[in-house]
Structure formats: structure tokens, C-alpha cells
């Protein structure tokens, strides 16, 4: 979901749930979310997003990394 803020800044947020109910992955279900800001500058879009584990099941993120929260900055363009 996204919203427009003053100064042509966009605010986006999402929530997701991964349900692994097969026997091989039993117990690996988790919730995750993100919130981010974006801004168009000329032909570029700048985006800063924070991704985090909602239910603190850190062992299921990024190949076992125990620090799943991430702040990600990206620059994109389409023309």
C-alpha cells in the first residue's frame, strides 16, 4: 500500500506471511514487513526502505542470518 506525502514523497508499507506447512519445512512460517519512502528526482527514483521480521523468527531470513532487519537504499530509472 502506498500514500503520497508533501514534496512529492511517497510512503509505502507492506506486510507478508509465509506459511510453510509441508513436512520438510514444518515450523518455518514467519511474518515480515517493510516501510519505505521514495522520491522522484529527474529521471531517477530514490527509495529508502526498512525491512523487518514481525514475529522475531530471525533464523528463517537470509540463509540463517540472525540479523534480518535491513535498511536498503536504491536508485532506479526508466525511460
PDB file of N, CA and C in Angstrom:
ATOM      1  N   UNK A   1       0.853  -1.167   0.000  1.00  0.00           N
ATOM      2  CA  UNK A   1       0.000   0.000   0.000  1.00  0.00           C
ATOM      3  C   UNK A   1       0.902   1.234   0.000  1.00  0.00           C
ATOM      4  N   UNK A   2       0.492   2.261  -0.666  1.00  0.00           N
ATOM      5  CA  UNK A   2       1.291   3.463  -0.741  1.00  0.00           C
ATOM      6  C   UNK A   2       0.460   4.726  -0.560  1.00  0.00           C
ATOM      7  N   UNK A   3       1.105   5.773  -0.102  1.00  0.00           N
ATOM      8  CA  UNK A   3       0.478   7.073   0.103  1.00  0.00           C
ATOM      9  C   UNK A   3       1.384   8.157  -0.451  1.00  0.00           C
ATOM     10  N   UNK A   4       0.788   9.273  -0.837  1.00  0.00           N
ATOM     11  CA  UNK A   4       1.567  10.433  -1.278  1.00  0.00           C
ATOM     12  C   UNK A   4       1.695  11.414  -0.122  1.00  0.00           C
ATOM     13  N   UNK A   5       2.903  11.877   0.103  1.00  0.00           N
ATOM     14  CA  UNK A   5       3.179  12.863   1.140  1.00  0.00           C
ATOM     15  C   UNK A   5       3.547  14.188   0.483  1.00  0.00           C
ATOM     16  N   UNK A   6       3.626  15.266   1.252  1.00  0.00           N
ATOM     17  CA  UNK A   6       4.066  16.544   0.683  1.00  0.00           C
ATOM     18  C   UNK A   6       5.442  16.415   0.034  1.00  0.00           C
ATOM     19  N   UNK A   7       5.768  17.345  -0.852  1.00  0.00           N
ATOM     20  CA  UNK A   7       7.047  17.414  -1.562  1.00  0.00           C
ATOM     21  C   UNK A   7       7.247  16.222  -2.493  1.00  0.00           C
ATOM     22  N   UNK A   8       6.149  15.650  -2.979  1.00  0.00           N
ATOM     23  CA  UNK A   8       6.208  14.517  -3.911  1.00  0.00           C
ATOM     24  C   UNK A   8       6.986  13.324  -3.370  1.00  0.00           C
ATOM     25  N   UNK A   9       6.861  13.091  -2.080  1.00  0.00           N
ATOM     26  CA  UNK A   9       7.473  11.927  -1.448  1.00  0.00           C
ATOM     27  C   UNK A   9       6.406  10.850  -1.311  1.00  0.00           C
ATOM     28  N   UNK A  10       6.759   9.622  -1.628  1.00  0.00           N
ATOM     29  CA  UNK A  10       5.843   8.503  -1.484  1.00  0.00           C
ATOM     30  C   UNK A  10       6.163   7.702  -0.239  1.00  0.00           C
ATOM     31  N   UNK A  11       5.136   7.216   0.423  1.00  0.00           N
ATOM     32  CA  UNK A  11       5.275   6.361   1.592  1.00  0.00           C
ATOM     33  C   UNK A  11       4.644   5.019   1.257  1.00  0.00           C
ATOM     34  N   UNK A  12       5.379   3.946   1.439  1.00  0.00           N
ATOM     35  CA  UNK A  12       4.863   2.614   1.137  1.00  0.00           C
ATOM     36  C   UNK A  12       5.082   1.688   2.324  1.00  0.00           C
ATOM     37  N   UNK A  13       4.171   0.769   2.509  1.00  0.00           N
ATOM     38  CA  UNK A  13       4.351  -0.242   3.538  1.00  0.00           C
ATOM     39  C   UNK A  13       3.687  -1.531   3.088  1.00  0.00           C
ATOM     40  N   UNK A  14       4.220  -2.643   3.597  1.00  0.00           N
ATOM     41  CA  UNK A  14       3.661  -3.947   3.257  1.00  0.00           C
ATOM     42  C   UNK A  14       3.824  -4.895   4.428  1.00  0.00           C
ATOM     43  N   UNK A  15       2.971  -5.908   4.446  1.00  0.00           N
ATOM     44  CA  UNK A  15       3.036  -6.966   5.439  1.00  0.00           C
ATOM     45  C   UNK A  15       2.867  -8.288   4.707  1.00  0.00           C
ATOM     46  N   UNK A  16       3.644  -9.274   5.073  1.00  0.00           N
ATOM     47  CA  UNK A  16       3.523 -10.582   4.444  1.00  0.00           C
ATOM     48  C   UNK A  16       3.644 -11.697   5.458  1.00  0.00           C
ATOM     49  N   UNK A  17       3.048 -12.827   5.129  1.00  0.00           N
ATOM     50  CA  UNK A  17       3.128 -14.003   5.979  1.00  0.00           C
ATOM     51  C   UNK A  17       3.483 -15.195   5.117  1.00  0.00           C
ATOM     52  N   UNK A  18       4.519 -15.910   5.493  1.00  0.00           N
ATOM     53  CA  UNK A  18       4.959 -17.115   4.791  1.00  0.00           C
ATOM     54  C   UNK A  18       4.535 -18.316   5.622  1.00  0.00           C
ATOM     55  N   UNK A  19       3.655 -19.148   5.069  1.00  0.00           N
ATOM     56  CA  UNK A  19       3.166 -20.330   5.773  1.00  0.00           C
ATOM     57  C   UNK A  19       3.753 -21.568   5.123  1.00  0.00           C
ATOM     58  N   UNK A  20       4.722 -22.170   5.775  1.00  0.00           N
ATOM     59  CA  UNK A  20       5.346 -23.400   5.283  1.00  0.00           C
ATOM     60  C   UNK A  20       4.726 -24.563   6.033  1.00  0.00           C
ATOM     61  N   UNK A  21       3.727 -25.176   5.414  1.00  0.00           N
ATOM     62  CA  UNK A  21       3.023 -26.241   6.113  1.00  0.00           C
ATOM     63  C   UNK A  21       3.397 -27.646   5.629  1.00  0.00           C
ATOM     64  N   UNK A  22       4.320 -27.760   4.680  1.00  0.00           N
ATOM     65  CA  UNK A  22       4.717 -29.108   4.274  1.00  0.00           C
ATOM     66  C   UNK A  22       5.664 -29.707   5.312  1.00  0.00           C
ATOM     67  N   UNK A  23       5.772 -31.010   5.337  1.00  0.00           N
ATOM     68  CA  UNK A  23       6.552 -31.695   6.368  1.00  0.00           C
ATOM     69  C   UNK A  23       8.030 -31.325   6.363  1.00  0.00           C
ATOM     70  N   UNK A  24       8.592 -31.090   5.178  1.00  0.00           N
ATOM     71  CA  UNK A  24      10.024 -30.773   5.089  1.00  0.00           C
ATOM     72  C   UNK A  24      10.352 -29.416   5.700  1.00  0.00           C
ATOM     73  N   UNK A  25       9.377 -28.513   5.738  1.00  0.00           N
ATOM     74  CA  UNK A  25       9.622 -27.164   6.258  1.00  0.00           C
ATOM     75  C   UNK A  25       8.774 -26.858   7.481  1.00  0.00           C
ATOM     76  N   UNK A  26       8.342 -27.852   8.173  1.00  0.00           N
ATOM     77  CA  UNK A  26       7.473 -27.654   9.333  1.00  0.00           C
ATOM     78  C   UNK A  26       8.110 -26.690  10.326  1.00  0.00           C
ATOM     79  N   UNK A  27       7.326 -25.758  10.800  1.00  0.00           N
ATOM     80  CA  UNK A  27       7.805 -24.808  11.795  1.00  0.00           C
ATOM     81  C   UNK A  27       8.584 -23.635  11.245  1.00  0.00           C
ATOM     82  N   UNK A  28       8.621 -23.439   9.933  1.00  0.00           N
ATOM     83  CA  UNK A  28       9.392 -22.335   9.364  1.00  0.00           C
ATOM     84  C   UNK A  28       8.513 -21.189   8.871  1.00  0.00           C
ATOM     85  N   UNK A  29       7.306 -21.087   9.349  1.00  0.00           N
ATOM     86  CA  UNK A  29       6.425 -19.988   8.959  1.00  0.00           C
ATOM     87  C   UNK A  29       6.865 -18.707   9.675  1.00  0.00           C
ATOM     88  N   UNK A  30       6.657 -17.567   9.033  1.00  0.00           N
ATOM     89  CA  UNK A  30       7.058 -16.300   9.639  1.00  0.00           C
ATOM     90  C   UNK A  30       6.300 -15.139   9.015  1.00  0.00           C
ATOM     91  N   UNK A  31       6.311 -13.999   9.705  1.00  0.00           N
ATOM     92  CA  UNK A  31       5.721 -12.751   9.223  1.00  0.00           C
ATOM     93  C   UNK A  31       6.840 -11.744   8.994  1.00  0.00           C
ATOM     94  N   UNK A  32       6.661 -10.897   8.008  1.00  0.00           N
ATOM     95  CA  UNK A  32       7.659  -9.869   7.724  1.00  0.00           C
ATOM     96  C   UNK A  32       6.937  -8.614   7.227  1.00  0.00           C
ATOM     97  N   UNK A  33       7.622  -7.483   7.287  1.00  0.00           N
ATOM     98  CA  UNK A  33       7.012  -6.222   6.878  1.00  0.00           C
ATOM     99  C   UNK A  33       8.099  -5.259   6.414  1.00  0.00           C
ATOM    100  N   UNK A  34       7.657  -4.192   5.750  1.00  0.00           N
ATOM    101  CA  UNK A  34       8.584  -3.134   5.367  1.00  0.00           C
ATOM    102  C   UNK A  34       7.843  -1.804   5.322  1.00  0.00           C
ATOM    103  N   UNK A  35       8.612  -0.745   5.456  1.00  0.00           N
ATOM    104  CA  UNK A  35       8.113   0.612   5.309  1.00  0.00           C
ATOM    105  C   UNK A  35       9.188   1.388   4.553  1.00  0.00           C
ATOM    106  N   UNK A  36       8.769   2.256   3.639  1.00  0.00           N
ATOM    107  CA  UNK A  36       9.756   2.960   2.850  1.00  0.00           C
ATOM    108  C   UNK A  36       9.280   4.307   2.347  1.00  0.00           C
ATOM    109  N   UNK A  37      10.247   5.114   1.949  1.00  0.00           N
ATOM    110  CA  UNK A  37      10.000   6.422   1.349  1.00  0.00           C
ATOM    111  C   UNK A  37      10.637   6.448  -0.031  1.00  0.00           C
ATOM    112  N   UNK A  38       9.969   7.119  -0.971  1.00  0.00           N
ATOM    113  CA  UNK A  38      10.547   7.260  -2.310  1.00  0.00           C
ATOM    114  C   UNK A  38      10.339   8.688  -2.802  1.00  0.00           C
ATOM    115  N   UNK A  39      11.230   9.078  -3.696  1.00  0.00           N
ATOM    116  CA  UNK A  39      11.183  10.450  -4.234  1.00  0.00           C
ATOM    117  C   UNK A  39      11.730  10.440  -5.646  1.00  0.00           C
ATOM    118  N   UNK A  40      10.986  11.014  -6.579  1.00  0.00           N
ATOM    119  CA  UNK A  40      11.459  11.167  -7.941  1.00  0.00           C
ATOM    120  C   UNK A  40      12.355  12.388  -8.056  1.00  0.00           C
ATOM    121  N   UNK A  41      13.529  12.200  -8.666  1.00  0.00           N
ATOM    122  CA  UNK A  41      14.482  13.290  -8.889  1.00  0.00           C
ATOM    123  C   UNK A  41      14.924  13.186 -10.341  1.00  0.00           C
ATOM    124  N   UNK A  42      14.365  14.038 -11.197  1.00  0.00           N
ATOM    125  CA  UNK A  42      14.650  13.944 -12.624  1.00  0.00           C
ATOM    126  C   UNK A  42      14.162  12.614 -13.169  1.00  0.00           C
ATOM    127  N   UNK A  43      15.042  11.884 -13.849  1.00  0.00           N
ATOM    128  CA  UNK A  43      14.657  10.581 -14.403  1.00  0.00           C
ATOM    129  C   UNK A  43      14.866   9.442 -13.397  1.00  0.00           C
ATOM    130  N   UNK A  44      15.301   9.763 -12.187  1.00  0.00           N
ATOM    131  CA  UNK A  44      15.602   8.750 -11.188  1.00  0.00           C
ATOM    132  C   UNK A  44      14.529   8.692 -10.103  1.00  0.00           C
ATOM    133  N   UNK A  45      14.406   7.533  -9.496  1.00  0.00           N
ATOM    134  CA  UNK A  45      13.588   7.359  -8.302  1.00  0.00           C
ATOM    135  C   UNK A  45      14.504   6.876  -7.190  1.00  0.00           C
ATOM    136  N   UNK A  46      14.523   7.614  -6.094  1.00  0.00           N
ATOM    137  CA  UNK A  46      15.315   7.251  -4.923  1.00  0.00           C
ATOM    138  C   UNK A  46      14.382   6.585  -3.918  1.00  0.00           C
ATOM    139  N   UNK A  47      14.818   5.485  -3.341  1.00  0.00           N
ATOM    140  CA  UNK A  47      13.974   4.740  -2.419  1.00  0.00           C
ATOM    141  C   UNK A  47      14.794   4.325  -1.195  1.00  0.00           C
ATOM    142  N   UNK A  48      14.229   4.535  -0.026  1.00  0.00           N
ATOM    143  CA  UNK A  48      14.842   4.104   1.225  1.00  0.00           C
ATOM    144  C   UNK A  48      13.794   3.284   1.969  1.00  0.00           C
ATOM    145  N   UNK A  49      14.078   2.005   2.180  1.00  0.00           N
ATOM    146  CA  UNK A  49      13.115   1.100   2.814  1.00  0.00           C
ATOM    147  C   UNK A  49      13.762   0.350   3.969  1.00  0.00           C
ATOM    148  N   UNK A  50      12.947   0.069   4.965  1.00  0.00           N
ATOM    149  CA  UNK A  50      13.370  -0.709   6.126  1.00  0.00           C
ATOM    150  C   UNK A  50      12.559  -1.996   6.146  1.00  0.00           C
ATOM    151  N   UNK A  51      13.231  -3.136   6.116  1.00  0.00           N
ATOM    152  CA  UNK A  51      12.598  -4.450   6.122  1.00  0.00           C
ATOM    153  C   UNK A  51      12.838  -5.091   7.483  1.00  0.00           C
ATOM    154  N   UNK A  52      11.783  -5.678   8.061  1.00  0.00           N
ATOM    155  CA  UNK A  52      11.951  -6.269   9.383  1.00  0.00           C
ATOM    156  C   UNK A  52      11.060  -7.487   9.582  1.00  0.00           C
ATOM    157  N   UNK A  53      11.497  -8.319  10.518  1.00  0.00           N
ATOM    158  CA  UNK A  53      10.828  -9.557  10.891  1.00  0.00           C
ATOM    159  C   UNK A  53       9.810  -9.228  11.977  1.00  0.00           C
ATOM    160  N   UNK A  54       8.528  -9.447  11.706  1.00  0.00           N
ATOM    161  CA  UNK A  54       7.474  -9.059  12.636  1.00  0.00           C
ATOM    162  C   UNK A  54       7.423  -9.950  13.873  1.00  0.00           C
ATOM    163  N   UNK A  55       7.544 -11.259  13.684  1.00  0.00           N
ATOM    164  CA  UNK A  55       7.365 -12.168  14.822  1.00  0.00           C
ATOM    165  C   UNK A  55       8.678 -12.697  15.387  1.00  0.00           C
ATOM    166  N   UNK A  56       9.781 -12.057  15.050  1.00  0.00           N
ATOM    167  CA  UNK A  56      11.090 -12.350  15.620  1.00  0.00           C
ATOM    168  C   UNK A  56      11.558 -13.787  15.380  1.00  0.00           C
ATOM    169  N   UNK A  57      11.302 -14.305  14.172  1.00  0.00           N
ATOM    170  CA  UNK A  57      11.796 -15.643  13.800  1.00  0.00           C
ATOM    171  C   UNK A  57      13.041 -15.470  12.947  1.00  0.00           C
ATOM    172  N   UNK A  58      14.026 -14.828  13.465  1.00  0.00           N
ATOM    173  CA  UNK A  58      15.198 -14.397  12.720  1.00  0.00           C
ATOM    174  C   UNK A  58      15.910 -15.512  11.968  1.00  0.00           C
ATOM    175  N   UNK A  59      15.833 -16.740  12.446  1.00  0.00           N
ATOM    176  CA  UNK A  59      16.591 -17.807  11.814  1.00  0.00           C
ATOM    177  C   UNK A  59      16.105 -18.146  10.404  1.00  0.00           C
ATOM    178  N   UNK A  60      14.978 -17.644   9.974  1.00  0.00           N
ATOM    179  CA  UNK A  60      14.453 -18.002   8.659  1.00  0.00           C
ATOM    180  C   UNK A  60      14.728 -16.948   7.597  1.00  0.00           C
ATOM    181  N   UNK A  61      15.471 -15.935   7.931  1.00  0.00           N
ATOM    182  CA  UNK A  61      15.799 -14.873   6.983  1.00  0.00           C
ATOM    183  C   UNK A  61      17.206 -15.069   6.449  1.00  0.00           C
ATOM    184  N   UNK A  62      17.403 -14.747   5.219  1.00  0.00           N
ATOM    185  CA  UNK A  62      18.709 -14.642   4.577  1.00  0.00           C
ATOM    186  C   UNK A  62      19.644 -15.794   4.954  1.00  0.00           C
ATOM    187  N   UNK A  63      19.236 -16.982   4.614  1.00  0.00           N
ATOM    188  CA  UNK A  63      20.069 -18.178   4.792  1.00  0.00           C
ATOM    189  C   UNK A  63      20.601 -18.346   6.209  1.00  0.00           C
ATOM    190  N   UNK A  64      19.734 -18.107   7.198  1.00  0.00           N
ATOM    191  CA  UNK A  64      20.137 -18.341   8.575  1.00  0.00           C
ATOM    192  C   UNK A  64      20.758 -17.152   9.270  1.00  0.00           C
ATOM    193  N   UNK A  65      20.841 -16.025   8.617  1.00  0.00           N
ATOM    194  CA  UNK A  65      21.385 -14.825   9.254  1.00  0.00           C
ATOM    195  C   UNK A  65      20.524 -14.471  10.463  1.00  0.00           C
ATOM    196  N   UNK A  66      21.117 -14.212  11.606  1.00  0.00           N
ATOM    197  CA  UNK A  66      20.333 -13.899  12.795  1.00  0.00           C
ATOM    198  C   UNK A  66      20.060 -12.404  12.951  1.00  0.00           C
ATOM    199  N   UNK A  67      20.345 -11.608  11.951  1.00  0.00           N
ATOM    200  CA  UNK A  67      20.044 -10.177  11.947  1.00  0.00           C
ATOM    201  C   UNK A  67      19.250  -9.836  10.688  1.00  0.00           C
ATOM    202  N   UNK A  68      17.947 -10.125  10.671  1.00  0.00           N
ATOM    203  CA  UNK A  68      17.185  -9.980   9.438  1.00  0.00           C
ATOM    204  C   UNK A  68      16.810  -8.552   9.064  1.00  0.00           C
ATOM    205  N   UNK A  69      16.771  -7.633  10.025  1.00  0.00           N
ATOM    206  CA  UNK A  69      16.361  -6.272   9.703  1.00  0.00           C
ATOM    207  C   UNK A  69      17.353  -5.657   8.737  1.00  0.00           C
ATOM    208  N   UNK A  70      16.819  -4.884   7.783  1.00  0.00           N
ATOM    209  CA  UNK A  70      17.705  -4.296   6.777  1.00  0.00           C
ATOM    210  C   UNK A  70      17.186  -2.935   6.349  1.00  0.00           C
ATOM    211  N   UNK A  71      18.088  -2.006   6.197  1.00  0.00           N
ATOM    212  CA  UNK A  71      17.801  -0.694   5.639  1.00  0.00           C
ATOM    213  C   UNK A  71      18.408  -0.698   4.243  1.00  0.00           C
ATOM    214  N   UNK A  72      17.568  -0.490   3.223  1.00  0.00           N
ATOM    215  CA  UNK A  72      18.009  -0.610   1.834  1.00  0.00           C
ATOM    216  C   UNK A  72      17.744   0.705   1.101  1.00  0.00           C
ATOM    217  N   UNK A  73      18.792   1.226   0.450  1.00  0.00           N
ATOM    218  CA  UNK A  73      18.676   2.405  -0.394  1.00  0.00           C
ATOM    219  C   UNK A  73      18.855   1.975  -1.841  1.00  0.00           C
ATOM    220  N   UNK A  74      17.968   2.430  -2.719  1.00  0.00           N
ATOM    221  CA  UNK A  74      18.103   2.079  -4.128  1.00  0.00           C
ATOM    222  C   UNK A  74      17.828   3.290  -5.007  1.00  0.00           C
ATOM    223  N   UNK A  75      18.432   3.253  -6.188  1.00  0.00           N
ATOM    224  CA  UNK A  75      18.215   4.263  -7.221  1.00  0.00           C
ATOM    225  C   UNK A  75      17.795   3.512  -8.464  1.00  0.00           C
ATOM    226  N   UNK A  76      16.685   3.940  -9.064  1.00  0.00           N
ATOM    227  CA  UNK A  76      16.218   3.296 -10.291  1.00  0.00           C
ATOM    228  C   UNK A  76      15.826   4.362 -11.295  1.00  0.00           C
ATOM    229  N   UNK A  77      15.715   3.924 -12.547  1.00  0.00           N
ATOM    230  CA  UNK A  77      15.319   4.830 -13.621  1.00  0.00           C
ATOM    231  C   UNK A  77      14.623   4.035 -14.708  1.00  0.00           C
ATOM    232  N   UNK A  78      13.656   4.648 -15.339  1.00  0.00           N
ATOM    233  CA  UNK A  78      13.031   4.047 -16.516  1.00  0.00           C
ATOM    234  C   UNK A  78      12.770   5.162 -17.519  1.00  0.00           C
ATOM    235  N   UNK A  79      13.086   4.869 -18.757  1.00  0.00           N
ATOM    236  CA  UNK A  79      12.882   5.865 -19.803  1.00  0.00           C
ATOM    237  C   UNK A  79      12.586   5.201 -21.101  1.00  0.00           C
TER     238      UNK A  79
END
